[in-house]
PDB file of all heavy atoms in Angstrom:
ATOM      1  N   ARG A   1     -25.756   9.440 -66.878  1.00  0.00           N
ATOM      2  CA  ARG A   1     -26.810   8.359 -66.521  1.00  0.00           C
ATOM      3  C   ARG A   1     -28.099   9.052 -66.047  1.00  0.00           C
ATOM      4  O   ARG A   1     -29.058   8.318 -65.627  1.00  0.00           O
ATOM      5  CB  ARG A   1     -26.215   7.553 -65.350  1.00  0.00           C
ATOM      6  CG  ARG A   1     -25.020   6.551 -65.779  1.00  0.00           C
ATOM      7  CD  ARG A   1     -24.637   5.783 -64.610  1.00  0.00           C
ATOM      8  NE  ARG A   1     -23.524   4.856 -65.020  1.00  0.00           N
ATOM      9  CZ  ARG A   1     -23.727   3.677 -65.536  1.00  0.00           C
ATOM     10  NH1 ARG A   1     -24.983   3.303 -65.659  1.00  0.00           N
ATOM     11  NH2 ARG A   1     -22.654   2.894 -65.871  1.00  0.00           N
ATOM     12  N   LEU A   2     -28.093  10.328 -66.007  1.00  0.00           N
ATOM     13  CA  LEU A   2     -29.324  11.064 -65.532  1.00  0.00           C
ATOM     14  C   LEU A   2     -30.318  11.284 -66.710  1.00  0.00           C
ATOM     15  O   LEU A   2     -29.866  11.613 -67.824  1.00  0.00           O
ATOM     16  CB  LEU A   2     -28.902  12.284 -64.886  1.00  0.00           C
ATOM     17  CG  LEU A   2     -28.034  12.239 -63.651  1.00  0.00           C
ATOM     18  CD1 LEU A   2     -27.725  13.639 -63.188  1.00  0.00           C
ATOM     19  CD2 LEU A   2     -28.620  11.467 -62.616  1.00  0.00           C
ATOM     20  N   TYR A   3     -31.608  11.309 -66.444  1.00  0.00           N
ATOM     21  CA  TYR A   3     -32.593  11.678 -67.348  1.00  0.00           C
ATOM     22  C   TYR A   3     -33.655  12.443 -66.713  1.00  0.00           C
ATOM     23  O   TYR A   3     -34.226  12.026 -65.615  1.00  0.00           O
ATOM     24  CB  TYR A   3     -33.267  10.433 -68.054  1.00  0.00           C
ATOM     25  CG  TYR A   3     -34.372  10.805 -68.883  1.00  0.00           C
ATOM     26  CD1 TYR A   3     -34.102  11.465 -70.111  1.00  0.00           C
ATOM     27  CD2 TYR A   3     -35.703  10.519 -68.549  1.00  0.00           C
ATOM     28  CE1 TYR A   3     -35.236  11.764 -71.060  1.00  0.00           C
ATOM     29  CE2 TYR A   3     -36.779  10.855 -69.397  1.00  0.00           C
ATOM     30  CZ  TYR A   3     -36.442  11.510 -70.588  1.00  0.00           C
ATOM     31  OH  TYR A   3     -37.576  11.868 -71.435  1.00  0.00           O
ATOM     32  N   GLY A   4     -33.932  13.627 -67.222  1.00  0.00           N
ATOM     33  CA  GLY A   4     -34.958  14.569 -66.607  1.00  0.00           C
ATOM     34  C   GLY A   4     -34.475  15.164 -65.378  1.00  0.00           C
ATOM     35  O   GLY A   4     -35.268  15.794 -64.759  1.00  0.00           O
ATOM     36  N   VAL A   5     -33.258  15.081 -65.102  1.00  0.00           N
ATOM     37  CA  VAL A   5     -32.721  15.640 -63.908  1.00  0.00           C
ATOM     38  C   VAL A   5     -31.346  16.362 -64.191  1.00  0.00           C
ATOM     39  O   VAL A   5     -30.389  15.644 -64.567  1.00  0.00           O
ATOM     40  CB  VAL A   5     -32.397  14.608 -62.707  1.00  0.00           C
ATOM     41  CG1 VAL A   5     -31.924  15.315 -61.406  1.00  0.00           C
ATOM     42  CG2 VAL A   5     -33.687  13.865 -62.426  1.00  0.00           C
ATOM     43  N   ALA A   6     -31.217  17.583 -63.964  1.00  0.00           N
ATOM     44  CA  ALA A   6     -29.932  18.373 -64.274  1.00  0.00           C
ATOM     45  C   ALA A   6     -29.098  18.316 -62.999  1.00  0.00           C
ATOM     46  O   ALA A   6     -29.531  18.281 -61.848  1.00  0.00           O
ATOM     47  CB  ALA A   6     -30.273  19.878 -64.656  1.00  0.00           C
ATOM     48  N   PRO A   7     -27.809  18.298 -63.208  1.00  0.00           N
ATOM     49  CA  PRO A   7     -26.854  18.221 -62.093  1.00  0.00           C
ATOM     50  C   PRO A   7     -27.018  19.498 -61.130  1.00  0.00           C
ATOM     51  O   PRO A   7     -26.748  19.371 -59.896  1.00  0.00           O
ATOM     52  CB  PRO A   7     -25.430  18.192 -62.727  1.00  0.00           C
ATOM     53  CG  PRO A   7     -25.716  17.711 -64.070  1.00  0.00           C
ATOM     54  CD  PRO A   7     -27.047  18.170 -64.464  1.00  0.00           C
ATOM     55  N   ASP A   8     -27.386  20.615 -61.662  1.00  0.00           N
ATOM     56  CA  ASP A   8     -27.551  21.787 -60.902  1.00  0.00           C
ATOM     57  C   ASP A   8     -28.965  22.095 -60.490  1.00  0.00           C
ATOM     58  O   ASP A   8     -29.238  23.153 -59.966  1.00  0.00           O
ATOM     59  CB  ASP A   8     -26.928  23.055 -61.644  1.00  0.00           C
ATOM     60  CG  ASP A   8     -27.604  23.206 -63.003  1.00  0.00           C
ATOM     61  OD1 ASP A   8     -28.402  22.343 -63.455  1.00  0.00           O
ATOM     62  OD2 ASP A   8     -27.316  24.237 -63.641  1.00  0.00           O
ATOM     63  N   GLU A   9     -29.856  21.165 -60.687  1.00  0.00           N
ATOM     64  CA  GLU A   9     -31.348  21.276 -60.399  1.00  0.00           C
ATOM     65  C   GLU A   9     -31.423  21.209 -58.870  1.00  0.00           C
ATOM     66  O   GLU A   9     -30.863  20.237 -58.241  1.00  0.00           O
ATOM     67  CB  GLU A   9     -32.055  20.208 -61.120  1.00  0.00           C
ATOM     68  CG  GLU A   9     -33.650  20.344 -60.955  1.00  0.00           C
ATOM     69  CD  GLU A   9     -34.118  19.605 -59.658  1.00  0.00           C
ATOM     70  OE1 GLU A   9     -33.489  18.599 -59.277  1.00  0.00           O
ATOM     71  OE2 GLU A   9     -35.167  19.953 -59.239  1.00  0.00           O
ATOM     72  N   PRO A  10     -32.033  22.177 -58.285  1.00  0.00           N
ATOM     73  CA  PRO A  10     -32.005  22.383 -56.826  1.00  0.00           C
ATOM     74  C   PRO A  10     -32.732  21.333 -55.904  1.00  0.00           C
ATOM     75  O   PRO A  10     -32.451  21.138 -54.713  1.00  0.00           O
ATOM     76  CB  PRO A  10     -32.408  23.836 -56.476  1.00  0.00           C
ATOM     77  CG  PRO A  10     -33.349  24.057 -57.731  1.00  0.00           C
ATOM     78  CD  PRO A  10     -32.742  23.398 -58.774  1.00  0.00           C
ATOM     79  N   TRP A  11     -33.799  20.727 -56.582  1.00  0.00           N
ATOM     80  CA  TRP A  11     -34.687  20.006 -55.716  1.00  0.00           C
ATOM     81  C   TRP A  11     -33.995  18.839 -55.058  1.00  0.00           C
ATOM     82  O   TRP A  11     -34.303  18.504 -53.877  1.00  0.00           O
ATOM     83  CB  TRP A  11     -35.839  19.469 -56.635  1.00  0.00           C
ATOM     84  CG  TRP A  11     -36.997  18.976 -55.935  1.00  0.00           C
ATOM     85  CD1 TRP A  11     -38.034  19.627 -55.481  1.00  0.00           C
ATOM     86  CD2 TRP A  11     -37.245  17.591 -55.556  1.00  0.00           C
ATOM     87  NE1 TRP A  11     -39.020  18.874 -54.906  1.00  0.00           N
ATOM     88  CE2 TRP A  11     -38.509  17.546 -54.820  1.00  0.00           C
ATOM     89  CE3 TRP A  11     -36.541  16.426 -55.679  1.00  0.00           C
ATOM     90  CZ2 TRP A  11     -39.134  16.458 -54.357  1.00  0.00           C
ATOM     91  CZ3 TRP A  11     -37.125  15.245 -55.159  1.00  0.00           C
ATOM     92  CH2 TRP A  11     -38.344  15.250 -54.566  1.00  0.00           C
ATOM     93  N   SER A  12     -33.120  18.104 -55.740  1.00  0.00           N
ATOM     94  CA  SER A  12     -32.531  16.961 -55.086  1.00  0.00           C
ATOM     95  C   SER A  12     -31.587  17.408 -54.005  1.00  0.00           C
ATOM     96  O   SER A  12     -31.562  16.691 -52.941  1.00  0.00           O
ATOM     97  CB  SER A  12     -31.612  16.369 -56.192  1.00  0.00           C
ATOM     98  OG  SER A  12     -32.398  15.830 -57.245  1.00  0.00           O
ATOM     99  N   TYR A  13     -30.975  18.585 -54.107  1.00  0.00           N
ATOM    100  CA  TYR A  13     -30.093  19.081 -53.100  1.00  0.00           C
ATOM    101  C   TYR A  13     -30.971  19.479 -51.830  1.00  0.00           C
ATOM    102  O   TYR A  13     -30.607  19.248 -50.638  1.00  0.00           O
ATOM    103  CB  TYR A  13     -29.327  20.288 -53.451  1.00  0.00           C
ATOM    104  CG  TYR A  13     -28.354  19.971 -54.587  1.00  0.00           C
ATOM    105  CD1 TYR A  13     -28.723  20.138 -55.953  1.00  0.00           C
ATOM    106  CD2 TYR A  13     -27.056  19.539 -54.334  1.00  0.00           C
ATOM    107  CE1 TYR A  13     -27.901  19.782 -56.922  1.00  0.00           C
ATOM    108  CE2 TYR A  13     -26.153  19.195 -55.398  1.00  0.00           C
ATOM    109  CZ  TYR A  13     -26.591  19.433 -56.687  1.00  0.00           C
ATOM    110  OH  TYR A  13     -25.754  19.071 -57.698  1.00  0.00           O
ATOM    111  N   VAL A  14     -32.082  20.118 -52.084  1.00  0.00           N
ATOM    112  CA  VAL A  14     -33.029  20.453 -50.976  1.00  0.00           C
ATOM    113  C   VAL A  14     -33.529  19.276 -50.275  1.00  0.00           C
ATOM    114  O   VAL A  14     -33.613  19.230 -48.970  1.00  0.00           O
ATOM    115  CB  VAL A  14     -34.194  21.340 -51.550  1.00  0.00           C
ATOM    116  CG1 VAL A  14     -35.199  21.581 -50.410  1.00  0.00           C
ATOM    117  CG2 VAL A  14     -33.700  22.638 -52.064  1.00  0.00           C
ATOM    118  N   VAL A  15     -33.974  18.180 -50.957  1.00  0.00           N
ATOM    119  CA  VAL A  15     -34.389  16.929 -50.338  1.00  0.00           C
ATOM    120  C   VAL A  15     -33.279  16.272 -49.439  1.00  0.00           C
ATOM    121  O   VAL A  15     -33.659  15.913 -48.361  1.00  0.00           O
ATOM    122  CB  VAL A  15     -34.920  15.971 -51.360  1.00  0.00           C
ATOM    123  CG1 VAL A  15     -35.214  14.632 -50.789  1.00  0.00           C
ATOM    124  CG2 VAL A  15     -36.204  16.502 -52.027  1.00  0.00           C
ATOM    125  N   ALA A  16     -32.021  16.314 -50.035  1.00  0.00           N
ATOM    126  CA  ALA A  16     -31.056  15.623 -49.269  1.00  0.00           C
ATOM    127  C   ALA A  16     -30.615  16.426 -48.017  1.00  0.00           C
ATOM    128  O   ALA A  16     -30.448  15.863 -46.879  1.00  0.00           O
ATOM    129  CB  ALA A  16     -29.781  15.452 -50.166  1.00  0.00           C
ATOM    130  N   ALA A  17     -30.635  17.719 -48.174  1.00  0.00           N
ATOM    131  CA  ALA A  17     -30.337  18.614 -47.014  1.00  0.00           C
ATOM    132  C   ALA A  17     -31.416  18.458 -45.990  1.00  0.00           C
ATOM    133  O   ALA A  17     -31.003  18.360 -44.737  1.00  0.00           O
ATOM    134  CB  ALA A  17     -30.066  20.005 -47.507  1.00  0.00           C
ATOM    135  N   ALA A  18     -32.616  18.467 -46.465  1.00  0.00           N
ATOM    136  CA  ALA A  18     -33.784  18.414 -45.509  1.00  0.00           C
ATOM    137  C   ALA A  18     -33.683  17.005 -44.695  1.00  0.00           C
ATOM    138  O   ALA A  18     -33.941  17.000 -43.436  1.00  0.00           O
ATOM    139  CB  ALA A  18     -35.052  18.550 -46.185  1.00  0.00           C
ATOM    140  N   ALA A  19     -33.333  16.018 -45.434  1.00  0.00           N
ATOM    141  CA  ALA A  19     -33.265  14.696 -44.755  1.00  0.00           C
ATOM    142  C   ALA A  19     -32.112  14.726 -43.617  1.00  0.00           C
ATOM    143  O   ALA A  19     -32.362  14.165 -42.589  1.00  0.00           O
ATOM    144  CB  ALA A  19     -32.885  13.624 -45.853  1.00  0.00           C
ATOM    145  N   PHE A  20     -31.018  15.457 -43.875  1.00  0.00           N
ATOM    146  CA  PHE A  20     -29.965  15.529 -42.876  1.00  0.00           C
ATOM    147  C   PHE A  20     -30.365  16.421 -41.779  1.00  0.00           C
ATOM    148  O   PHE A  20     -30.064  16.078 -40.567  1.00  0.00           O
ATOM    149  CB  PHE A  20     -28.716  15.984 -43.587  1.00  0.00           C
ATOM    150  CG  PHE A  20     -27.724  14.829 -43.891  1.00  0.00           C
ATOM    151  CD1 PHE A  20     -27.740  14.347 -45.200  1.00  0.00           C
ATOM    152  CD2 PHE A  20     -26.904  14.353 -42.902  1.00  0.00           C
ATOM    153  CE1 PHE A  20     -26.899  13.347 -45.470  1.00  0.00           C
ATOM    154  CE2 PHE A  20     -26.089  13.323 -43.258  1.00  0.00           C
ATOM    155  CZ  PHE A  20     -26.056  12.762 -44.526  1.00  0.00           C
ATOM    156  N   VAL A  21     -31.156  17.339 -42.030  1.00  0.00           N
ATOM    157  CA  VAL A  21     -31.638  18.287 -40.870  1.00  0.00           C
ATOM    158  C   VAL A  21     -32.520  17.386 -39.974  1.00  0.00           C
ATOM    159  O   VAL A  21     -32.432  17.508 -38.745  1.00  0.00           O
ATOM    160  CB  VAL A  21     -32.410  19.468 -41.367  1.00  0.00           C
ATOM    161  CG1 VAL A  21     -33.029  20.186 -40.288  1.00  0.00           C
ATOM    162  CG2 VAL A  21     -31.369  20.438 -42.141  1.00  0.00           C
ATOM    163  N   VAL A  22     -33.496  16.634 -40.666  1.00  0.00           N
ATOM    164  CA  VAL A  22     -34.354  15.764 -39.748  1.00  0.00           C
ATOM    165  C   VAL A  22     -33.547  14.732 -38.991  1.00  0.00           C
ATOM    166  O   VAL A  22     -33.779  14.530 -37.794  1.00  0.00           O
ATOM    167  CB  VAL A  22     -35.334  15.083 -40.680  1.00  0.00           C
ATOM    168  CG1 VAL A  22     -36.224  14.121 -39.960  1.00  0.00           C
ATOM    169  CG2 VAL A  22     -36.290  16.231 -41.272  1.00  0.00           C
ATOM    170  N   ILE A  23     -32.676  14.080 -39.765  1.00  0.00           N
ATOM    171  CA  ILE A  23     -31.817  13.023 -38.999  1.00  0.00           C
ATOM    172  C   ILE A  23     -30.945  13.550 -37.958  1.00  0.00           C
ATOM    173  O   ILE A  23     -30.881  12.916 -36.816  1.00  0.00           O
ATOM    174  CB  ILE A  23     -30.929  12.285 -40.106  1.00  0.00           C
ATOM    175  CG1 ILE A  23     -31.829  11.481 -41.022  1.00  0.00           C
ATOM    176  CG2 ILE A  23     -29.947  11.384 -39.553  1.00  0.00           C
ATOM    177  CD1 ILE A  23     -32.540  10.413 -40.496  1.00  0.00           C
ATOM    178  N   SER A  24     -30.403  14.661 -38.157  1.00  0.00           N
ATOM    179  CA  SER A  24     -29.560  15.354 -37.152  1.00  0.00           C
ATOM    180  C   SER A  24     -30.393  15.696 -35.855  1.00  0.00           C
ATOM    181  O   SER A  24     -30.073  15.561 -34.779  1.00  0.00           O
ATOM    182  CB  SER A  24     -28.864  16.577 -37.717  1.00  0.00           C
ATOM    183  OG  SER A  24     -29.806  17.559 -38.025  1.00  0.00           O
ATOM    184  N   GLY A  25     -31.666  16.209 -36.135  1.00  0.00           N
ATOM    185  CA  GLY A  25     -32.593  16.481 -35.009  1.00  0.00           C
ATOM    186  C   GLY A  25     -32.890  15.235 -34.220  1.00  0.00           C
ATOM    187  O   GLY A  25     -32.964  15.155 -33.008  1.00  0.00           O
ATOM    188  N   MET A  26     -33.128  14.081 -34.968  1.00  0.00           N
ATOM    189  CA  MET A  26     -33.451  12.815 -34.258  1.00  0.00           C
ATOM    190  C   MET A  26     -32.222  12.280 -33.487  1.00  0.00           C
ATOM    191  O   MET A  26     -32.328  11.827 -32.452  1.00  0.00           O
ATOM    192  CB  MET A  26     -33.901  11.796 -35.252  1.00  0.00           C
ATOM    193  CG  MET A  26     -35.228  12.142 -36.032  1.00  0.00           C
ATOM    194  SD  MET A  26     -35.627  10.964 -37.377  1.00  0.00           S
ATOM    195  CE  MET A  26     -35.727   9.405 -36.484  1.00  0.00           C
ATOM    196  N   ALA A  27     -31.043  12.443 -34.155  1.00  0.00           N
ATOM    197  CA  ALA A  27     -29.810  11.911 -33.481  1.00  0.00           C
ATOM    198  C   ALA A  27     -29.475  12.713 -32.234  1.00  0.00           C
ATOM    199  O   ALA A  27     -28.914  12.109 -31.248  1.00  0.00           O
ATOM    200  CB  ALA A  27     -28.637  11.978 -34.509  1.00  0.00           C
ATOM    201  N   CYS A  28     -29.815  14.023 -32.193  1.00  0.00           N
ATOM    202  CA  CYS A  28     -29.492  14.825 -31.084  1.00  0.00           C
ATOM    203  C   CYS A  28     -30.503  15.002 -30.015  1.00  0.00           C
ATOM    204  O   CYS A  28     -30.396  15.779 -29.035  1.00  0.00           O
ATOM    205  CB  CYS A  28     -28.988  16.193 -31.623  1.00  0.00           C
ATOM    206  SG  CYS A  28     -27.714  16.068 -32.763  1.00  0.00           S
TER     207      CYS A  28
END
């Protein structure tokens, strides 16, 4: 179902991880 996005492409992982770092900072 993906187009123009590879499963191992790092950008999506970086964005998701950064979102969790920000959310964890706000939650704590």
